[in-house]
Amino acid sequence: QLQLVESGGGLVQPGGSLRLSCAASGFTLDYYAIGWIRQAPGKEREGVSCISSSGGSTNYADSVKGRFSISRNNAKNTVYLQMNSLKPEDTAVYYCAAQKGESWYVPDLGSFEYDYWGQGTQVTVSS
């Protein structure tokens, strides 16, 4: 069964940090760009960050630039999203998604045209 599984979400105070993981099973992420997308209640989904299959190219939403960092370890078939200086407005369900592409390819943050999606992990930033 081909699937992506997110983990690492939880409740954190403003200013705190979390690291989300996105692990693939049933297929290798070596040929897939990965995106992190979030959706807060009552809001449209928002592309947060993407990384190419090689890891050499990344992009970030303006709202998280300088605070979030995306990385990948293809040997572990896992992609990470390090989130620092968290704010209450970062509260959302975070999804990872995979799109097959060239090693340099980074999906547009607003496209959402992914081949596989995870089930999501809740991140709540509150005091």
Foldseek 3Di string as FASTA:
>chain_A
DWAKAKDFADEAAQQAKIKIKIAIPPDFLLQKKKWKWWDDPPDDIWTAKIAFSLRPDMDGDPVQPPFWDKGDDRVRSMIMIIGGSDDQVVWTWMKMFIAGDDRHDIDDGPPPPGPHIHPTDTHGYHD
